[in-house]
Amino acid sequence: MCRSSSSSNESFGLSWPSSKKHLHKHLHLSLLLIKRRRAIEMKEGREKKKKKVRSEIEKKNLKLIMENQSIIEENERLRKKALLLSEENQALLSHLKNKLSQETIPPN
């Protein structure tokens, strides 16, 4: 027995419109589905790209925070060193003034 193409398609879960009007409607819906799928894929792509960019920015931010912390620590170390050098300079200057004043005043 010979089956028609429409019944053959129906046995595989496919159905084709029987008239041009139905064919046009079917094609229109197919195009809408394709457009919707593309829009979803594009949106997912944009979201994926945003996540990647956000991740890169967070990595750069963390690197800058660590670098900033290192600079702050180095600044504090140098500040302490400068304070010690200033105190040493004051002590040496005071010692020099005492020595000079003793040399200029004749002993009794």
PDB file of N, CA and C in Angstrom:
ATOM      1  N   MET A   1       0.833  -1.169   0.000  1.00  0.00           N
ATOM      2  CA  MET A   1       0.000   0.000   0.000  1.00  0.00           C
ATOM      3  C   MET A   1       0.875   1.228   0.000  1.00  0.00           C
ATOM      4  N   CYS A   2       0.465   2.205  -0.737  1.00  0.00           N
ATOM      5  CA  CYS A   2       1.243   3.437  -0.895  1.00  0.00           C
ATOM      6  C   CYS A   2       0.674   4.504   0.019  1.00  0.00           C
ATOM      7  N   ARG A   3       1.571   5.145   0.760  1.00  0.00           N
ATOM      8  CA  ARG A   3       1.141   6.219   1.671  1.00  0.00           C
ATOM      9  C   ARG A   3       1.415   7.571   1.037  1.00  0.00           C
ATOM     10  N   SER A   4       0.604   8.516   1.355  1.00  0.00           N
ATOM     11  CA  SER A   4       0.846   9.869   0.851  1.00  0.00           C
ATOM     12  C   SER A   4       1.962  10.510   1.673  1.00  0.00           C
ATOM     13  N   SER A   5       2.551  11.568   1.105  1.00  0.00           N
ATOM     14  CA  SER A   5       3.676  12.215   1.780  1.00  0.00           C
ATOM     15  C   SER A   5       3.263  12.845   3.096  1.00  0.00           C
ATOM     16  N   SER A   6       2.048  13.368   3.183  1.00  0.00           N
ATOM     17  CA  SER A   6       1.628  14.007   4.423  1.00  0.00           C
ATOM     18  C   SER A   6       1.465  12.972   5.528  1.00  0.00           C
ATOM     19  N   SER A   7       0.919  11.803   5.209  1.00  0.00           N
ATOM     20  CA  SER A   7       0.763  10.789   6.249  1.00  0.00           C
ATOM     21  C   SER A   7       2.119  10.220   6.634  1.00  0.00           C
ATOM     22  N   SER A   8       3.043  10.178   5.681  1.00  0.00           N
ATOM     23  CA  SER A   8       4.383   9.714   5.977  1.00  0.00           C
ATOM     24  C   SER A   8       5.077  10.690   6.930  1.00  0.00           C
ATOM     25  N   ASN A   9       4.909  11.976   6.668  1.00  0.00           N
ATOM     26  CA  ASN A   9       5.501  12.987   7.536  1.00  0.00           C
ATOM     27  C   ASN A   9       4.886  12.950   8.923  1.00  0.00           C
ATOM     28  N   GLU A  10       3.598  12.687   9.006  1.00  0.00           N
ATOM     29  CA  GLU A  10       2.928  12.645  10.293  1.00  0.00           C
ATOM     30  C   GLU A  10       3.434  11.482  11.123  1.00  0.00           C
ATOM     31  N   SER A  11       3.795  10.391  10.477  1.00  0.00           N
ATOM     32  CA  SER A  11       4.285   9.246  11.225  1.00  0.00           C
ATOM     33  C   SER A  11       5.638   9.539  11.859  1.00  0.00           C
ATOM     34  N   PHE A  12       6.378  10.517  11.336  1.00  0.00           N
ATOM     35  CA  PHE A  12       7.660  10.907  11.915  1.00  0.00           C
ATOM     36  C   PHE A  12       7.520  12.130  12.817  1.00  0.00           C
ATOM     37  N   GLY A  13       6.341  12.541  13.119  1.00  0.00           N
ATOM     38  CA  GLY A  13       6.113  13.687  13.970  1.00  0.00           C
ATOM     39  C   GLY A  13       6.205  15.004  13.223  1.00  0.00           C
ATOM     40  N   LEU A  14       6.219  14.968  11.909  1.00  0.00           N
ATOM     41  CA  LEU A  14       6.280  16.184  11.109  1.00  0.00           C
ATOM     42  C   LEU A  14       4.912  16.459  10.521  1.00  0.00           C
ATOM     43  N   SER A  15       4.563  17.710  10.470  1.00  0.00           N
ATOM     44  CA  SER A  15       3.305  18.054   9.813  1.00  0.00           C
ATOM     45  C   SER A  15       3.548  19.262   8.936  1.00  0.00           C
ATOM     46  N   TRP A  16       3.083  19.204   7.722  1.00  0.00           N
ATOM     47  CA  TRP A  16       3.236  20.297   6.776  1.00  0.00           C
ATOM     48  C   TRP A  16       1.866  20.880   6.497  1.00  0.00           C
ATOM     49  N   PRO A  17       1.806  22.159   6.387  1.00  0.00           N
ATOM     50  CA  PRO A  17       0.520  22.804   6.100  1.00  0.00           C
ATOM     51  C   PRO A  17      -0.029  22.354   4.749  1.00  0.00           C
ATOM     52  N   SER A  18      -1.342  22.274   4.682  1.00  0.00           N
ATOM     53  CA  SER A  18      -1.972  21.777   3.462  1.00  0.00           C
ATOM     54  C   SER A  18      -2.266  22.878   2.446  1.00  0.00           C
ATOM     55  N   SER A  19      -2.282  24.146   2.869  1.00  0.00           N
ATOM     56  CA  SER A  19      -2.575  25.228   1.926  1.00  0.00           C
ATOM     57  C   SER A  19      -1.490  26.296   1.982  1.00  0.00           C
ATOM     58  N   LYS A  20      -1.520  27.195   1.004  1.00  0.00           N
ATOM     59  CA  LYS A  20      -0.528  28.264   0.968  1.00  0.00           C
ATOM     60  C   LYS A  20      -0.656  29.174   2.184  1.00  0.00           C
ATOM     61  N   LYS A  21      -1.897  29.402   2.607  1.00  0.00           N
ATOM     62  CA  LYS A  21      -2.132  30.251   3.767  1.00  0.00           C
ATOM     63  C   LYS A  21      -1.494  29.632   5.008  1.00  0.00           C
ATOM     64  N   HIS A  22      -1.721  28.345   5.159  1.00  0.00           N
ATOM     65  CA  HIS A  22      -1.129  27.646   6.293  1.00  0.00           C
ATOM     66  C   HIS A  22       0.392  27.579   6.172  1.00  0.00           C
ATOM     67  N   LEU A  23       0.886  27.402   4.951  1.00  0.00           N
ATOM     68  CA  LEU A  23       2.330  27.365   4.710  1.00  0.00           C
ATOM     69  C   LEU A  23       2.957  28.706   5.091  1.00  0.00           C
ATOM     70  N   HIS A  24       2.306  29.796   4.674  1.00  0.00           N
ATOM     71  CA  HIS A  24       2.806  31.126   5.001  1.00  0.00           C
ATOM     72  C   HIS A  24       2.846  31.321   6.518  1.00  0.00           C
ATOM     73  N   LYS A  25       1.781  30.909   7.204  1.00  0.00           N
ATOM     74  CA  LYS A  25       1.708  31.033   8.661  1.00  0.00           C
ATOM     75  C   LYS A  25       2.794  30.183   9.313  1.00  0.00           C
ATOM     76  N   HIS A  26       2.977  28.987   8.809  1.00  0.00           N
ATOM     77  CA  HIS A  26       3.980  28.071   9.333  1.00  0.00           C
ATOM     78  C   HIS A  26       5.395  28.664   9.167  1.00  0.00           C
ATOM     79  N   LEU A  27       5.677  29.207   7.985  1.00  0.00           N
ATOM     80  CA  LEU A  27       6.985  29.813   7.739  1.00  0.00           C
ATOM     81  C   LEU A  27       7.192  31.046   8.626  1.00  0.00           C
ATOM     82  N   HIS A  28       6.138  31.830   8.771  1.00  0.00           N
ATOM     83  CA  HIS A  28       6.214  33.022   9.611  1.00  0.00           C
ATOM     84  C   HIS A  28       6.548  32.632  11.055  1.00  0.00           C
ATOM     85  N   LEU A  29       5.873  31.616  11.568  1.00  0.00           N
ATOM     86  CA  LEU A  29       6.146  31.162  12.932  1.00  0.00           C
ATOM     87  C   LEU A  29       7.566  30.601  13.055  1.00  0.00           C
ATOM     88  N   SER A  30       7.993  29.884  12.026  1.00  0.00           N
ATOM     89  CA  SER A  30       9.356  29.343  12.030  1.00  0.00           C
ATOM     90  C   SER A  30      10.381  30.470  12.081  1.00  0.00           C
ATOM     91  N   LEU A  31      10.155  31.513  11.291  1.00  0.00           N
ATOM     92  CA  LEU A  31      11.062  32.657  11.296  1.00  0.00           C
ATOM     93  C   LEU A  31      11.059  33.366  12.653  1.00  0.00           C
ATOM     94  N   LEU A  32       9.883  33.480  13.259  1.00  0.00           N
ATOM     95  CA  LEU A  32       9.802  34.090  14.580  1.00  0.00           C
ATOM     96  C   LEU A  32      10.596  33.282  15.607  1.00  0.00           C
ATOM     97  N   LEU A  33      10.475  31.959  15.525  1.00  0.00           N
ATOM     98  CA  LEU A  33      11.228  31.100  16.446  1.00  0.00           C
ATOM     99  C   LEU A  33      12.730  31.233  16.233  1.00  0.00           C
ATOM    100  N   ILE A  34      13.134  31.300  14.970  1.00  0.00           N
ATOM    101  CA  ILE A  34      14.562  31.469  14.660  1.00  0.00           C
ATOM    102  C   ILE A  34      15.054  32.803  15.196  1.00  0.00           C
ATOM    103  N   LYS A  35      14.278  33.865  14.979  1.00  0.00           N
ATOM    104  CA  LYS A  35      14.657  35.186  15.473  1.00  0.00           C
ATOM    105  C   LYS A  35      14.743  35.181  16.997  1.00  0.00           C
ATOM    106  N   ARG A  36      13.786  34.544  17.647  1.00  0.00           N
ATOM    107  CA  ARG A  36      13.767  34.482  19.101  1.00  0.00           C
ATOM    108  C   ARG A  36      14.994  33.731  19.617  1.00  0.00           C
ATOM    109  N   ARG A  37      15.317  32.601  18.966  1.00  0.00           N
ATOM    110  CA  ARG A  37      16.498  31.826  19.359  1.00  0.00           C
ATOM    111  C   ARG A  37      17.772  32.651  19.193  1.00  0.00           C
ATOM    112  N   ARG A  38      17.866  33.359  18.067  1.00  0.00           N
ATOM    113  CA  ARG A  38      19.049  34.202  17.834  1.00  0.00           C
ATOM    114  C   ARG A  38      19.153  35.309  18.871  1.00  0.00           C
ATOM    115  N   ALA A  39      18.008  35.909  19.197  1.00  0.00           N
ATOM    116  CA  ALA A  39      17.999  36.981  20.197  1.00  0.00           C
ATOM    117  C   ALA A  39      18.457  36.440  21.552  1.00  0.00           C
ATOM    118  N   ILE A  40      17.989  35.260  21.905  1.00  0.00           N
ATOM    119  CA  ILE A  40      18.395  34.643  23.168  1.00  0.00           C
ATOM    120  C   ILE A  40      19.886  34.322  23.152  1.00  0.00           C
ATOM    121  N   GLU A  41      20.364  33.774  22.044  1.00  0.00           N
ATOM    122  CA  GLU A  41      21.792  33.455  21.924  1.00  0.00           C
ATOM    123  C   GLU A  41      22.644  34.718  22.015  1.00  0.00           C
ATOM    124  N   MET A  42      22.187  35.794  21.372  1.00  0.00           N
ATOM    125  CA  MET A  42      22.930  37.048  21.420  1.00  0.00           C
ATOM    126  C   MET A  42      22.946  37.609  22.840  1.00  0.00           C
ATOM    127  N   LYS A  43      21.801  37.531  23.522  1.00  0.00           N
ATOM    128  CA  LYS A  43      21.713  38.013  24.892  1.00  0.00           C
ATOM    129  C   LYS A  43      22.645  37.198  25.790  1.00  0.00           C
ATOM    130  N   GLU A  44      22.641  35.879  25.616  1.00  0.00           N
ATOM    131  CA  GLU A  44      23.529  35.021  26.403  1.00  0.00           C
ATOM    132  C   GLU A  44      24.983  35.355  26.112  1.00  0.00           C
ATOM    133  N   GLY A  45      25.289  35.632  24.844  1.00  0.00           N
ATOM    134  CA  GLY A  45      26.649  36.015  24.463  1.00  0.00           C
ATOM    135  C   GLY A  45      27.073  37.317  25.121  1.00  0.00           C
ATOM    136  N   ARG A  46      26.163  38.292  25.132  1.00  0.00           N
ATOM    137  CA  ARG A  46      26.461  39.577  25.773  1.00  0.00           C
ATOM    138  C   ARG A  46      26.673  39.394  27.276  1.00  0.00           C
ATOM    139  N   GLU A  47      25.814  38.573  27.889  1.00  0.00           N
ATOM    140  CA  GLU A  47      25.946  38.325  29.327  1.00  0.00           C
ATOM    141  C   GLU A  47      27.264  37.616  29.643  1.00  0.00           C
ATOM    142  N   LYS A  48      27.634  36.671  28.797  1.00  0.00           N
ATOM    143  CA  LYS A  48      28.894  35.955  28.987  1.00  0.00           C
ATOM    144  C   LYS A  48      30.070  36.919  28.867  1.00  0.00           C
ATOM    145  N   LYS A  49      30.000  37.814  27.877  1.00  0.00           N
ATOM    146  CA  LYS A  49      31.060  38.798  27.669  1.00  0.00           C
ATOM    147  C   LYS A  49      31.128  39.748  28.863  1.00  0.00           C
ATOM    148  N   LYS A  50      29.963  40.179  29.378  1.00  0.00           N
ATOM    149  CA  LYS A  50      29.934  41.062  30.540  1.00  0.00           C
ATOM    150  C   LYS A  50      30.583  40.392  31.742  1.00  0.00           C
ATOM    151  N   LYS A  51      30.279  39.107  31.951  1.00  0.00           N
ATOM    152  CA  LYS A  51      30.871  38.375  33.071  1.00  0.00           C
ATOM    153  C   LYS A  51      32.382  38.297  32.923  1.00  0.00           C
ATOM    154  N   LYS A  52      32.846  38.069  31.706  1.00  0.00           N
ATOM    155  CA  LYS A  52      34.284  37.975  31.458  1.00  0.00           C
ATOM    156  C   LYS A  52      34.951  39.320  31.734  1.00  0.00           C
ATOM    157  N   VAL A  53      34.346  40.388  31.228  1.00  0.00           N
ATOM    158  CA  VAL A  53      34.892  41.735  31.444  1.00  0.00           C
ATOM    159  C   VAL A  53      34.879  42.060  32.934  1.00  0.00           C
ATOM    160  N   ARG A  54      33.776  41.735  33.619  1.00  0.00           N
ATOM    161  CA  ARG A  54      33.664  41.998  35.053  1.00  0.00           C
ATOM    162  C   ARG A  54      34.752  41.237  35.814  1.00  0.00           C
ATOM    163  N   SER A  55      34.983  40.004  35.431  1.00  0.00           N
ATOM    164  CA  SER A  55      36.014  39.185  36.069  1.00  0.00           C
ATOM    165  C   SER A  55      37.397  39.797  35.859  1.00  0.00           C
ATOM    166  N   GLU A  56      37.669  40.249  34.634  1.00  0.00           N
ATOM    167  CA  GLU A  56      38.961  40.880  34.341  1.00  0.00           C
ATOM    168  C   GLU A  56      39.131  42.163  35.149  1.00  0.00           C
ATOM    169  N   ILE A  57      38.075  42.948  35.260  1.00  0.00           N
ATOM    170  CA  ILE A  57      38.130  44.197  36.027  1.00  0.00           C
ATOM    171  C   ILE A  57      38.383  43.893  37.506  1.00  0.00           C
ATOM    172  N   GLU A  58      37.716  42.867  38.032  1.00  0.00           N
ATOM    173  CA  GLU A  58      37.908  42.493  39.429  1.00  0.00           C
ATOM    174  C   GLU A  58      39.346  42.039  39.674  1.00  0.00           C
ATOM    175  N   LYS A  59      39.925  41.294  38.720  1.00  0.00           N
ATOM    176  CA  LYS A  59      41.319  40.864  38.854  1.00  0.00           C
ATOM    177  C   LYS A  59      42.251  42.066  38.856  1.00  0.00           C
ATOM    178  N   LYS A  60      42.023  43.001  37.926  1.00  0.00           N
ATOM    179  CA  LYS A  60      42.861  44.204  37.860  1.00  0.00           C
ATOM    180  C   LYS A  60      42.704  45.030  39.136  1.00  0.00           C
ATOM    181  N   ASN A  61      41.474  45.131  39.635  1.00  0.00           N
ATOM    182  CA  ASN A  61      41.214  45.887  40.851  1.00  0.00           C
ATOM    183  C   ASN A  61      41.954  45.262  42.036  1.00  0.00           C
ATOM    184  N   LEU A  62      41.897  43.942  42.150  1.00  0.00           N
ATOM    185  CA  LEU A  62      42.592  43.256  43.230  1.00  0.00           C
ATOM    186  C   LEU A  62      44.098  43.473  43.128  1.00  0.00           C
ATOM    187  N   LYS A  63      44.624  43.411  41.902  1.00  0.00           N
ATOM    188  CA  LYS A  63      46.054  43.645  41.692  1.00  0.00           C
ATOM    189  C   LYS A  63      46.419  45.064  42.122  1.00  0.00           C
ATOM    190  N   LEU A  64      45.598  46.050  41.777  1.00  0.00           N
ATOM    191  CA  LEU A  64      45.860  47.440  42.162  1.00  0.00           C
ATOM    192  C   LEU A  64      45.761  47.629  43.676  1.00  0.00           C
ATOM    193  N   ILE A  65      44.817  46.951  44.299  1.00  0.00           N
ATOM    194  CA  ILE A  65      44.684  47.032  45.761  1.00  0.00           C
ATOM    195  C   ILE A  65      45.941  46.491  46.422  1.00  0.00           C
ATOM    196  N   MET A  66      46.430  45.353  45.928  1.00  0.00           N
ATOM    197  CA  MET A  66      47.641  44.754  46.486  1.00  0.00           C
ATOM    198  C   MET A  66      48.852  45.667  46.260  1.00  0.00           C
ATOM    199  N   GLU A  67      48.946  46.240  45.073  1.00  0.00           N
ATOM    200  CA  GLU A  67      50.040  47.154  44.767  1.00  0.00           C
ATOM    201  C   GLU A  67      49.968  48.390  45.660  1.00  0.00           C
ATOM    202  N   ASN A  68      48.771  48.911  45.860  1.00  0.00           N
ATOM    203  CA  ASN A  68      48.569  50.072  46.721  1.00  0.00           C
ATOM    204  C   ASN A  68      48.981  49.753  48.156  1.00  0.00           C
ATOM    205  N   GLN A  69      48.606  48.578  48.640  1.00  0.00           N
ATOM    206  CA  GLN A  69      48.973  48.164  49.996  1.00  0.00           C
ATOM    207  C   GLN A  69      50.489  48.077  50.132  1.00  0.00           C
ATOM    208  N   SER A  70      51.146  47.548  49.106  1.00  0.00           N
ATOM    209  CA  SER A  70      52.598  47.449  49.109  1.00  0.00           C
ATOM    210  C   SER A  70      53.238  48.840  49.156  1.00  0.00           C
ATOM    211  N   ILE A  71      52.693  49.764  48.393  1.00  0.00           N
ATOM    212  CA  ILE A  71      53.203  51.142  48.379  1.00  0.00           C
ATOM    213  C   ILE A  71      53.004  51.792  49.746  1.00  0.00           C
ATOM    214  N   ILE A  72      51.857  51.559  50.376  1.00  0.00           N
ATOM    215  CA  ILE A  72      51.582  52.124  51.701  1.00  0.00           C
ATOM    216  C   ILE A  72      52.586  51.587  52.719  1.00  0.00           C
ATOM    217  N   GLU A  73      52.850  50.275  52.650  1.00  0.00           N
ATOM    218  CA  GLU A  73      53.814  49.670  53.571  1.00  0.00           C
ATOM    219  C   GLU A  73      55.214  50.230  53.345  1.00  0.00           C
ATOM    220  N   GLU A  74      55.617  50.370  52.089  1.00  0.00           N
ATOM    221  CA  GLU A  74      56.925  50.942  51.759  1.00  0.00           C
ATOM    222  C   GLU A  74      57.007  52.388  52.232  1.00  0.00           C
ATOM    223  N   ASN A  75      55.944  53.146  52.065  1.00  0.00           N
ATOM    224  CA  ASN A  75      55.896  54.534  52.512  1.00  0.00           C
ATOM    225  C   ASN A  75      56.071  54.614  54.032  1.00  0.00           C
ATOM    226  N   GLU A  76      55.399  53.742  54.746  1.00  0.00           N
ATOM    227  CA  GLU A  76      55.510  53.728  56.211  1.00  0.00           C
ATOM    228  C   GLU A  76      56.935  53.365  56.645  1.00  0.00           C
ATOM    229  N   ARG A  77      57.533  52.399  55.971  1.00  0.00           N
ATOM    230  CA  ARG A  77      58.911  51.997  56.275  1.00  0.00           C
ATOM    231  C   ARG A  77      59.865  53.170  56.040  1.00  0.00           C
ATOM    232  N   LEU A  78      59.694  53.863  54.913  1.00  0.00           N
ATOM    233  CA  LEU A  78      60.546  55.004  54.608  1.00  0.00           C
ATOM    234  C   LEU A  78      60.311  56.167  55.576  1.00  0.00           C
ATOM    235  N   ARG A  79      59.065  56.348  56.004  1.00  0.00           N
ATOM    236  CA  ARG A  79      58.744  57.410  56.973  1.00  0.00           C
ATOM    237  C   ARG A  79      59.480  57.161  58.298  1.00  0.00           C
ATOM    238  N   LYS A  80      59.462  55.893  58.761  1.00  0.00           N
ATOM    239  CA  LYS A  80      60.161  55.536  59.998  1.00  0.00           C
ATOM    240  C   LYS A  80      61.668  55.749  59.839  1.00  0.00           C
ATOM    241  N   LYS A  81      62.199  55.345  58.684  1.00  0.00           N
ATOM    242  CA  LYS A  81      63.633  55.519  58.420  1.00  0.00           C
ATOM    243  C   LYS A  81      63.994  57.002  58.410  1.00  0.00           C
ATOM    244  N   ALA A  82      63.153  57.826  57.794  1.00  0.00           N
ATOM    245  CA  ALA A  82      63.392  59.271  57.744  1.00  0.00           C
ATOM    246  C   ALA A  82      63.349  59.863  59.143  1.00  0.00           C
ATOM    247  N   LEU A  83      62.418  59.398  59.988  1.00  0.00           N
ATOM    248  CA  LEU A  83      62.324  59.885  61.363  1.00  0.00           C
ATOM    249  C   LEU A  83      63.594  59.533  62.140  1.00  0.00           C
ATOM    250  N   LEU A  84      64.057  58.299  61.991  1.00  0.00           N
ATOM    251  CA  LEU A  84      65.294  57.887  62.669  1.00  0.00           C
ATOM    252  C   LEU A  84      66.490  58.717  62.196  1.00  0.00           C
ATOM    253  N   LEU A  85      66.577  58.946  60.906  1.00  0.00           N
ATOM    254  CA  LEU A  85      67.671  59.757  60.367  1.00  0.00           C
ATOM    255  C   LEU A  85      67.593  61.194  60.867  1.00  0.00           C
ATOM    256  N   SER A  86      66.395  61.718  60.987  1.00  0.00           N
ATOM    257  CA  SER A  86      66.212  63.079  61.488  1.00  0.00           C
ATOM    258  C   SER A  86      66.641  63.164  62.954  1.00  0.00           C
ATOM    259  N   GLU A  87      66.250  62.152  63.743  1.00  0.00           N
ATOM    260  CA  GLU A  87      66.645  62.124  65.152  1.00  0.00           C
ATOM    261  C   GLU A  87      68.164  61.995  65.276  1.00  0.00           C
ATOM    262  N   GLU A  88      68.762  61.156  64.447  1.00  0.00           N
ATOM    263  CA  GLU A  88      70.216  60.996  64.458  1.00  0.00           C
ATOM    264  C   GLU A  88      70.892  62.309  64.063  1.00  0.00           C
ATOM    265  N   ASN A  89      70.331  62.988  63.055  1.00  0.00           N
ATOM    266  CA  ASN A  89      70.867  64.270  62.618  1.00  0.00           C
ATOM    267  C   ASN A  89      70.802  65.296  63.745  1.00  0.00           C
ATOM    268  N   GLN A  90      69.680  65.354  64.457  1.00  0.00           N
ATOM    269  CA  GLN A  90      69.530  66.292  65.580  1.00  0.00           C
ATOM    270  C   GLN A  90      70.548  65.982  66.684  1.00  0.00           C
ATOM    271  N   ALA A  91      70.738  64.701  66.978  1.00  0.00           N
ATOM    272  CA  ALA A  91      71.695  64.311  68.021  1.00  0.00           C
ATOM    273  C   ALA A  91      73.113  64.705  67.608  1.00  0.00           C
ATOM    274  N   LEU A  92      73.476  64.450  66.354  1.00  0.00           N
ATOM    275  CA  LEU A  92      74.820  64.814  65.877  1.00  0.00           C
ATOM    276  C   LEU A  92      75.016  66.328  65.886  1.00  0.00           C
ATOM    277  N   LEU A  93      73.993  67.060  65.493  1.00  0.00           N
ATOM    278  CA  LEU A  93      74.067  68.516  65.487  1.00  0.00           C
ATOM    279  C   LEU A  93      74.232  69.053  66.913  1.00  0.00           C
ATOM    280  N   SER A  94      73.480  68.484  67.827  1.00  0.00           N
ATOM    281  CA  SER A  94      73.582  68.889  69.232  1.00  0.00           C
ATOM    282  C   SER A  94      74.978  68.584  69.775  1.00  0.00           C
ATOM    283  N   HIS A  95      75.478  67.404  69.449  1.00  0.00           N
ATOM    284  CA  HIS A  95      76.817  67.015  69.890  1.00  0.00           C
ATOM    285  C   HIS A  95      77.865  67.970  69.304  1.00  0.00           C
ATOM    286  N   LEU A  96      77.709  68.310  68.019  1.00  0.00           N
ATOM    287  CA  LEU A  96      78.646  69.226  67.369  1.00  0.00           C
ATOM    288  C   LEU A  96      78.590  70.606  68.014  1.00  0.00           C
ATOM    289  N   LYS A  97      77.411  71.113  68.323  1.00  0.00           N
ATOM    290  CA  LYS A  97      77.258  72.424  68.972  1.00  0.00           C
ATOM    291  C   LYS A  97      77.930  72.421  70.342  1.00  0.00           C
ATOM    292  N   ASN A  98      77.752  71.341  71.083  1.00  0.00           N
ATOM    293  CA  ASN A  98      78.379  71.238  72.405  1.00  0.00           C
ATOM    294  C   ASN A  98      79.893  71.256  72.274  1.00  0.00           C
ATOM    295  N   LYS A  99      80.405  70.530  71.311  1.00  0.00           N
ATOM    296  CA  LYS A  99      81.841  70.451  71.101  1.00  0.00           C
ATOM    297  C   LYS A  99      82.400  71.816  70.682  1.00  0.00           C
ATOM    298  N   LEU A 100      81.698  72.490  69.778  1.00  0.00           N
ATOM    299  CA  LEU A 100      82.147  73.810  69.323  1.00  0.00           C
ATOM    300  C   LEU A 100      82.096  74.833  70.456  1.00  0.00           C
ATOM    301  N   SER A 101      81.055  74.768  71.267  1.00  0.00           N
ATOM    302  CA  SER A 101      80.934  75.725  72.374  1.00  0.00           C
ATOM    303  C   SER A 101      82.017  75.478  73.410  1.00  0.00           C
ATOM    304  N   GLN A 102      82.437  74.263  73.613  1.00  0.00           N
ATOM    305  CA  GLN A 102      83.501  73.954  74.578  1.00  0.00           C
ATOM    306  C   GLN A 102      84.844  74.439  74.031  1.00  0.00           C
ATOM    307  N   GLU A 103      85.036  74.406  72.738  1.00  0.00           N
ATOM    308  CA  GLU A 103      86.305  74.849  72.145  1.00  0.00           C
ATOM    309  C   GLU A 103      86.420  76.362  72.139  1.00  0.00           C
ATOM    310  N   THR A 104      85.307  77.074  71.985  1.00  0.00           N
ATOM    311  CA  THR A 104      85.357  78.526  71.915  1.00  0.00           C
ATOM    312  C   THR A 104      85.481  79.144  73.290  1.00  0.00           C
ATOM    313  N   ILE A 105      85.005  78.463  74.334  1.00  0.00           N
ATOM    314  CA  ILE A 105      85.122  78.975  75.691  1.00  0.00           C
ATOM    315  C   ILE A 105      86.463  78.473  76.264  1.00  0.00           C
ATOM    316  N   PRO A 106      87.336  79.397  76.634  1.00  0.00           N
ATOM    317  CA  PRO A 106      88.620  78.965  77.191  1.00  0.00           C
ATOM    318  C   PRO A 106      88.430  78.365  78.585  1.00  0.00           C
ATOM    319  N   PRO A 107      89.220  77.356  78.877  1.00  0.00           N
ATOM    320  CA  PRO A 107      89.082  76.741  80.201  1.00  0.00           C
ATOM    321  C   PRO A 107      89.532  77.711  81.305  1.00  0.00           C
ATOM    322  N   ASN A 108      88.998  77.643  82.501  1.00  0.00           N
ATOM    323  CA  ASN A 108      89.345  78.533  83.618  1.00  0.00           C
ATOM    324  C   ASN A 108      90.661  78.229  84.174  1.00  0.00           C
TER     325      ASN A 108
END
